PDB file of N, CA and C in Angstrom:
ATOM      1  N   MET A   1      -4.808  18.784  37.964  1.00  0.00           N
ATOM      2  CA  MET A   1      -3.873  17.692  38.057  1.00  0.00           C
ATOM      3  C   MET A   1      -2.747  17.900  37.037  1.00  0.00           C
ATOM      4  N   VAL A   2      -1.507  17.699  37.412  1.00  0.00           N
ATOM      5  CA  VAL A   2      -0.347  17.886  36.547  1.00  0.00           C
ATOM      6  C   VAL A   2       0.100  16.519  36.039  1.00  0.00           C
ATOM      7  N   GLU A   3       0.227  16.411  34.699  1.00  0.00           N
ATOM      8  CA  GLU A   3       0.691  15.153  34.113  1.00  0.00           C
ATOM      9  C   GLU A   3       2.208  15.097  34.191  1.00  0.00           C
ATOM     10  N   GLN A   4       2.719  13.918  34.548  1.00  0.00           N
ATOM     11  CA  GLN A   4       4.164  13.749  34.587  1.00  0.00           C
ATOM     12  C   GLN A   4       4.664  13.438  33.181  1.00  0.00           C
ATOM     13  N   GLU A   5       5.798  14.008  32.849  1.00  0.00           N
ATOM     14  CA  GLU A   5       6.421  13.708  31.574  1.00  0.00           C
ATOM     15  C   GLU A   5       7.041  12.314  31.674  1.00  0.00           C
ATOM     16  N   ALA A   6       6.938  11.564  30.572  1.00  0.00           N
ATOM     17  CA  ALA A   6       7.512  10.224  30.564  1.00  0.00           C
ATOM     18  C   ALA A   6       9.023  10.319  30.740  1.00  0.00           C
ATOM     19  N   SER A   7       9.563   9.353  31.453  1.00  0.00           N
ATOM     20  CA  SER A   7      11.013   9.358  31.670  1.00  0.00           C
ATOM     21  C   SER A   7      11.727   9.123  30.335  1.00  0.00           C
ATOM     22  N   LYS A   8      12.985   9.448  30.322  1.00  0.00           N
ATOM     23  CA  LYS A   8      13.789   9.277  29.116  1.00  0.00           C
ATOM     24  C   LYS A   8      13.785   7.818  28.673  1.00  0.00           C
ATOM     25  N   ASP A   9      13.898   6.887  29.633  1.00  0.00           N
ATOM     26  CA  ASP A   9      13.896   5.459  29.301  1.00  0.00           C
ATOM     27  C   ASP A   9      12.564   5.037  28.683  1.00  0.00           C
ATOM     28  N   GLU A  10      11.457   5.582  29.214  1.00  0.00           N
ATOM     29  CA  GLU A  10      10.140   5.266  28.656  1.00  0.00           C
ATOM     30  C   GLU A  10      10.016   5.806  27.231  1.00  0.00           C
ATOM     31  N   GLN A  11      10.509   7.009  27.012  1.00  0.00           N
ATOM     32  CA  GLN A  11      10.455   7.594  25.672  1.00  0.00           C
ATOM     33  C   GLN A  11      11.299   6.784  24.692  1.00  0.00           C
ATOM     34  N   ILE A  12      12.485   6.383  25.124  1.00  0.00           N
ATOM     35  CA  ILE A  12      13.356   5.574  24.270  1.00  0.00           C
ATOM     36  C   ILE A  12      12.674   4.252  23.937  1.00  0.00           C
ATOM     37  N   GLY A  13      12.094   3.599  24.952  1.00  0.00           N
ATOM     38  CA  GLY A  13      11.393   2.332  24.725  1.00  0.00           C
ATOM     39  C   GLY A  13      10.225   2.494  23.763  1.00  0.00           C
ATOM     40  N   PHE A  14       9.483   3.577  23.915  1.00  0.00           N
ATOM     41  CA  PHE A  14       8.344   3.840  23.035  1.00  0.00           C
ATOM     42  C   PHE A  14       8.802   3.972  21.588  1.00  0.00           C
ATOM     43  N   HIS A  15       9.830   4.780  21.359  1.00  0.00           N
ATOM     44  CA  HIS A  15      10.305   5.018  19.994  1.00  0.00           C
ATOM     45  C   HIS A  15      10.939   3.771  19.389  1.00  0.00           C
ATOM     46  N   LYS A  16      11.658   2.992  20.197  1.00  0.00           N
ATOM     47  CA  LYS A  16      12.227   1.739  19.690  1.00  0.00           C
ATOM     48  C   LYS A  16      11.115   0.764  19.305  1.00  0.00           C
ATOM     49  N   GLY A  17      10.079   0.697  20.124  1.00  0.00           N
ATOM     50  CA  GLY A  17       8.945  -0.170  19.811  1.00  0.00           C
ATOM     51  C   GLY A  17       8.256   0.255  18.524  1.00  0.00           C
ATOM     52  N   CYS A  18       8.096   1.570  18.344  1.00  0.00           N
ATOM     53  CA  CYS A  18       7.487   2.082  17.113  1.00  0.00           C
ATOM     54  C   CYS A  18       8.318   1.711  15.896  1.00  0.00           C
ATOM     55  N   LEU A  19       9.639   1.890  16.006  1.00  0.00           N
ATOM     56  CA  LEU A  19      10.506   1.554  14.878  1.00  0.00           C
ATOM     57  C   LEU A  19      10.457   0.066  14.560  1.00  0.00           C
ATOM     58  N   SER A  20      10.400  -0.751  15.586  1.00  0.00           N
ATOM     59  CA  SER A  20      10.311  -2.194  15.374  1.00  0.00           C
ATOM     60  C   SER A  20       9.021  -2.555  14.637  1.00  0.00           C
ATOM     61  N   THR A  21       7.923  -1.974  15.071  1.00  0.00           N
ATOM     62  CA  THR A  21       6.631  -2.232  14.431  1.00  0.00           C
ATOM     63  C   THR A  21       6.626  -1.739  12.995  1.00  0.00           C
ATOM     64  N   LEU A  22       7.148  -0.538  12.764  1.00  0.00           N
ATOM     65  CA  LEU A  22       7.178   0.016  11.412  1.00  0.00           C
ATOM     66  C   LEU A  22       8.072  -0.799  10.487  1.00  0.00           C
ATOM     67  N   THR A  23       9.169  -1.318  11.010  1.00  0.00           N
ATOM     68  CA  THR A  23      10.052  -2.164  10.208  1.00  0.00           C
ATOM     69  C   THR A  23       9.320  -3.428   9.772  1.00  0.00           C
ATOM     70  N   LYS A  24       8.590  -4.037  10.687  1.00  0.00           N
ATOM     71  CA  LYS A  24       7.821  -5.241  10.349  1.00  0.00           C
ATOM     72  C   LYS A  24       6.721  -4.927   9.338  1.00  0.00           C
ATOM     73  N   GLU A  25       6.071  -3.785   9.499  1.00  0.00           N
ATOM     74  CA  GLU A  25       5.031  -3.372   8.548  1.00  0.00           C
ATOM     75  C   GLU A  25       5.635  -3.159   7.160  1.00  0.00           C
ATOM     76  N   ARG A  26       6.812  -2.553   7.118  1.00  0.00           N
ATOM     77  CA  ARG A  26       7.487  -2.306   5.836  1.00  0.00           C
ATOM     78  C   ARG A  26       7.853  -3.624   5.163  1.00  0.00           C
ATOM     79  N   GLN A  27       8.333  -4.591   5.939  1.00  0.00           N
ATOM     80  CA  GLN A  27       8.674  -5.903   5.388  1.00  0.00           C
ATOM     81  C   GLN A  27       7.430  -6.588   4.812  1.00  0.00           C
ATOM     82  N   GLU A  28       6.322  -6.488   5.513  1.00  0.00           N
ATOM     83  CA  GLU A  28       5.080  -7.101   5.039  1.00  0.00           C
ATOM     84  C   GLU A  28       4.592  -6.422   3.763  1.00  0.00           C
ATOM     85  N   LEU A  29       4.679  -5.105   3.721  1.00  0.00           N
ATOM     86  CA  LEU A  29       4.280  -4.371   2.527  1.00  0.00           C
ATOM     87  C   LEU A  29       5.148  -4.770   1.338  1.00  0.00           C
ATOM     88  N   SER A  30       6.436  -4.914   1.571  1.00  0.00           N
ATOM     89  CA  SER A  30       7.352  -5.345   0.523  1.00  0.00           C
ATOM     90  C   SER A  30       6.979  -6.743   0.017  1.00  0.00           C
ATOM     91  N   ARG A  31       6.615  -7.615   0.932  1.00  0.00           N
ATOM     92  CA  ARG A  31       6.206  -8.977   0.548  1.00  0.00           C
ATOM     93  C   ARG A  31       4.943  -8.929  -0.307  1.00  0.00           C
ATOM     94  N   ILE A  32       3.987  -8.097   0.072  1.00  0.00           N
ATOM     95  CA  ILE A  32       2.740  -7.970  -0.689  1.00  0.00           C
ATOM     96  C   ILE A  32       3.017  -7.410  -2.080  1.00  0.00           C
ATOM     97  N   ILE A  33       3.886  -6.411  -2.171  1.00  0.00           N
ATOM     98  CA  ILE A  33       4.231  -5.835  -3.473  1.00  0.00           C
ATOM     99  C   ILE A  33       4.878  -6.891  -4.361  1.00  0.00           C
ATOM    100  N   SER A  34       5.724  -7.715  -3.781  1.00  0.00           N
ATOM    101  CA  SER A  34       6.368  -8.789  -4.536  1.00  0.00           C
ATOM    102  C   SER A  34       5.331  -9.759  -5.102  1.00  0.00           C
ATOM    103  N   ILE A  35       4.359 -10.125  -4.296  1.00  0.00           N
ATOM    104  CA  ILE A  35       3.301 -11.039  -4.743  1.00  0.00           C
ATOM    105  C   ILE A  35       2.490 -10.404  -5.867  1.00  0.00           C
ATOM    106  N   VAL A  36       2.137  -9.124  -5.714  1.00  0.00           N
ATOM    107  CA  VAL A  36       1.366  -8.420  -6.746  1.00  0.00           C
ATOM    108  C   VAL A  36       2.164  -8.357  -8.051  1.00  0.00           C
ATOM    109  N   ASP A  37       3.461  -8.080  -7.961  1.00  0.00           N
ATOM    110  CA  ASP A  37       4.311  -8.039  -9.152  1.00  0.00           C
ATOM    111  C   ASP A  37       4.350  -9.399  -9.853  1.00  0.00           C
ATOM    112  N   GLN A  38       4.470 -10.464  -9.080  1.00  0.00           N
ATOM    113  CA  GLN A  38       4.486 -11.807  -9.657  1.00  0.00           C
ATOM    114  C   GLN A  38       3.171 -12.113 -10.369  1.00  0.00           C
ATOM    115  N   LEU A  39       2.061 -11.788  -9.731  1.00  0.00           N
ATOM    116  CA  LEU A  39       0.756 -12.040 -10.346  1.00  0.00           C
ATOM    117  C   LEU A  39       0.555 -11.199 -11.598  1.00  0.00           C
ATOM    118  N   THR A  40       1.041  -9.962 -11.563  1.00  0.00           N
ATOM    119  CA  THR A  40       0.949  -9.097 -12.735  1.00  0.00           C
ATOM    120  C   THR A  40       1.709  -9.715 -13.906  1.00  0.00           C
ATOM    121  N   GLN A  41       2.911 -10.211 -13.641  1.00  0.00           N
ATOM    122  CA  GLN A  41       3.711 -10.838 -14.690  1.00  0.00           C
ATOM    123  C   GLN A  41       3.008 -12.069 -15.272  1.00  0.00           C
ATOM    124  N   VAL A  42       2.385 -12.863 -14.417  1.00  0.00           N
ATOM    125  CA  VAL A  42       1.666 -14.056 -14.885  1.00  0.00           C
ATOM    126  C   VAL A  42       0.530 -13.648 -15.811  1.00  0.00           C
ATOM    127  N   HIS A  43      -0.245 -12.641 -15.426  1.00  0.00           N
ATOM    128  CA  HIS A  43      -1.376 -12.214 -16.246  1.00  0.00           C
ATOM    129  C   HIS A  43      -0.902 -11.565 -17.551  1.00  0.00           C
ATOM    130  N   MET A  44       0.183 -10.806 -17.492  1.00  0.00           N
ATOM    131  CA  MET A  44       0.717 -10.205 -18.707  1.00  0.00           C
ATOM    132  C   MET A  44       1.205 -11.276 -19.677  1.00  0.00           C
ATOM    133  N   ALA A  45       1.877 -12.281 -19.170  1.00  0.00           N
ATOM    134  CA  ALA A  45       2.359 -13.374 -20.014  1.00  0.00           C
ATOM    135  C   ALA A  45       1.192 -14.116 -20.654  1.00  0.00           C
ATOM    136  N   GLU A  46       0.139 -14.328 -19.889  1.00  0.00           N
ATOM    137  CA  GLU A  46      -1.030 -15.034 -20.429  1.00  0.00           C
ATOM    138  C   GLU A  46      -1.731 -14.196 -21.496  1.00  0.00           C
ATOM    139  N   LEU A  47      -1.832 -12.902 -21.276  1.00  0.00           N
ATOM    140  CA  LEU A  47      -2.434 -12.029 -22.291  1.00  0.00           C
ATOM    141  C   LEU A  47      -1.601 -12.022 -23.567  1.00  0.00           C
ATOM    142  N   LYS A  48      -0.270 -11.985 -23.420  1.00  0.00           N
ATOM    143  CA  LYS A  48       0.592 -12.051 -24.602  1.00  0.00           C
ATOM    144  C   LYS A  48       0.392 -13.365 -25.334  1.00  0.00           C
ATOM    145  N   ARG A  49       0.275 -14.455 -24.567  1.00  0.00           N
ATOM    146  CA  ARG A  49       0.062 -15.770 -25.175  1.00  0.00           C
ATOM    147  C   ARG A  49      -1.251 -15.803 -25.946  1.00  0.00           C
ATOM    148  N   LEU A  50      -2.232 -15.052 -25.477  1.00  0.00           N
ATOM    149  CA  LEU A  50      -3.534 -15.003 -26.138  1.00  0.00           C
ATOM    150  C   LEU A  50      -3.561 -13.983 -27.281  1.00  0.00           C
ATOM    151  N   GLY A  51      -2.431 -13.329 -27.529  1.00  0.00           N
ATOM    152  CA  GLY A  51      -2.338 -12.410 -28.657  1.00  0.00           C
ATOM    153  C   GLY A  51      -2.751 -10.977 -28.354  1.00  0.00           C
ATOM    154  N   VAL A  52      -2.869 -10.634 -27.097  1.00  0.00           N
ATOM    155  CA  VAL A  52      -3.254  -9.276 -26.731  1.00  0.00           C
ATOM    156  C   VAL A  52      -1.993  -8.428 -26.643  1.00  0.00           C
ATOM    157  N   SER A  53      -2.009  -7.295 -27.364  1.00  0.00           N
ATOM    158  CA  SER A  53      -0.862  -6.392 -27.346  1.00  0.00           C
ATOM    159  C   SER A  53      -0.920  -5.539 -26.093  1.00  0.00           C
ATOM    160  N   LEU A  54       0.155  -5.562 -25.349  1.00  0.00           N
ATOM    161  CA  LEU A  54       0.212  -4.758 -24.136  1.00  0.00           C
ATOM    162  C   LEU A  54       0.893  -3.421 -24.378  1.00  0.00           C
ATOM    163  N   ASP A  55       1.313  -3.175 -25.622  1.00  0.00           N
ATOM    164  CA  ASP A  55       1.952  -1.918 -25.964  1.00  0.00           C
ATOM    165  C   ASP A  55       0.937  -0.805 -26.203  1.00  0.00           C
ATOM    166  N   GLU A  56      -0.304  -1.190 -26.507  1.00  0.00           N
ATOM    167  CA  GLU A  56      -1.347  -0.195 -26.731  1.00  0.00           C
ATOM    168  C   GLU A  56      -1.774   0.394 -25.397  1.00  0.00           C
ATOM    169  N   PRO A  57      -2.117   1.695 -25.404  1.00  0.00           N
ATOM    170  CA  PRO A  57      -2.584   2.278 -24.138  1.00  0.00           C
ATOM    171  C   PRO A  57      -3.886   1.629 -23.685  1.00  0.00           C
ATOM    172  N   ALA A  58      -4.025   1.505 -22.392  1.00  0.00           N
ATOM    173  CA  ALA A  58      -5.241   0.921 -21.832  1.00  0.00           C
ATOM    174  C   ALA A  58      -6.407   1.871 -22.064  1.00  0.00           C
ATOM    175  N   GLU A  59      -7.598   1.305 -22.095  1.00  0.00           N
ATOM    176  CA  GLU A  59      -8.784   2.138 -22.249  1.00  0.00           C
ATOM    177  C   GLU A  59      -8.917   3.077 -21.061  1.00  0.00           C
ATOM    178  N   THR A  60      -9.394   4.273 -21.334  1.00  0.00           N
ATOM    179  CA  THR A  60      -9.612   5.235 -20.265  1.00  0.00           C
ATOM    180  C   THR A  60     -10.802   4.776 -19.437  1.00  0.00           C
ATOM    181  N   PRO A  61     -10.635   4.690 -18.117  1.00  0.00           N
ATOM    182  CA  PRO A  61     -11.758   4.239 -17.287  1.00  0.00           C
ATOM    183  C   PRO A  61     -12.900   5.256 -17.307  1.00  0.00           C
ATOM    184  N   VAL A  62     -14.095   4.743 -17.196  1.00  0.00           N
ATOM    185  CA  VAL A  62     -15.270   5.594 -17.159  1.00  0.00           C
ATOM    186  C   VAL A  62     -15.417   6.138 -15.739  1.00  0.00           C
ATOM    187  N   VAL A  63     -15.521   7.451 -15.616  1.00  0.00           N
ATOM    188  CA  VAL A  63     -15.678   8.085 -14.314  1.00  0.00           C
ATOM    189  C   VAL A  63     -17.140   8.468 -14.155  1.00  0.00           C
ATOM    190  N   ARG A  64     -17.749   7.939 -13.115  1.00  0.00           N
ATOM    191  CA  ARG A  64     -19.155   8.256 -12.858  1.00  0.00           C
ATOM    192  C   ARG A  64     -19.238   9.627 -12.213  1.00  0.00           C
ATOM    193  N   LYS A  65     -20.048  10.478 -12.797  1.00  0.00           N
ATOM    194  CA  LYS A  65     -20.168  11.835 -12.275  1.00  0.00           C
ATOM    195  C   LYS A  65     -21.110  11.911 -11.090  1.00  0.00           C
ATOM    196  N   ASP A  66     -21.967  10.900 -10.923  1.00  0.00           N
ATOM    197  CA  ASP A  66     -22.899  10.932  -9.811  1.00  0.00           C
ATOM    198  C   ASP A  66     -22.297  10.361  -8.520  1.00  0.00           C
ATOM    199  N   LYS A  67     -21.073   9.889  -8.605  1.00  0.00           N
ATOM    200  CA  LYS A  67     -20.416   9.298  -7.441  1.00  0.00           C
ATOM    201  C   LYS A  67     -19.759  10.399  -6.608  1.00  0.00           C
ATOM    202  N   LYS A  68     -19.966  10.333  -5.286  1.00  0.00           N
ATOM    203  CA  LYS A  68     -19.404  11.341  -4.383  1.00  0.00           C
ATOM    204  C   LYS A  68     -17.911  11.102  -4.182  1.00  0.00           C
ATOM    205  N   PRO A  69     -17.126  12.179  -4.042  1.00  0.00           N
ATOM    206  CA  PRO A  69     -15.707  12.014  -3.723  1.00  0.00           C
ATOM    207  C   PRO A  69     -15.548  11.414  -2.328  1.00  0.00           C
ATOM    208  N   ILE A  70     -14.465  10.723  -2.113  1.00  0.00           N
ATOM    209  CA  ILE A  70     -14.225  10.062  -0.824  1.00  0.00           C
ATOM    210  C   ILE A  70     -14.216  11.063   0.319  1.00  0.00           C
ATOM    211  N   GLU A  71     -13.755  12.290   0.050  1.00  0.00           N
ATOM    212  CA  GLU A  71     -13.708  13.300   1.109  1.00  0.00           C
ATOM    213  C   GLU A  71     -15.123  13.623   1.628  1.00  0.00           C
ATOM    214  N   ASP A  72     -16.113  13.591   0.728  1.00  0.00           N
ATOM    215  CA  ASP A  72     -17.481  13.887   1.125  1.00  0.00           C
ATOM    216  C   ASP A  72     -18.112  12.739   1.900  1.00  0.00           C
ATOM    217  N   ILE A  73     -17.658  11.528   1.636  1.00  0.00           N
ATOM    218  CA  ILE A  73     -18.205  10.361   2.312  1.00  0.00           C
ATOM    219  C   ILE A  73     -17.701  10.292   3.752  1.00  0.00           C
ATOM    220  N   LEU A  74     -16.424  10.672   3.935  1.00  0.00           N
ATOM    221  CA  LEU A  74     -15.834  10.638   5.273  1.00  0.00           C
ATOM    222  C   LEU A  74     -16.358  11.776   6.026  1.00  0.00           C
TER     223      LEU A  74
END
């Protein structure tokens, strides 16, 4: 069986739909980043109010050696 190639109009519609969806996704991501930034500022201000210096480097996180990498889990 031979598959027909999509018409030019179908291809244009497909790509326009993809761009529309991606634009909306980008707007939502931007909104989420804005919310995260606002919350970060609130927590930083509260820590400063409590006398915590934010100029010092953060503690190095503890890395568990017995934990599998994500690539191995997938």
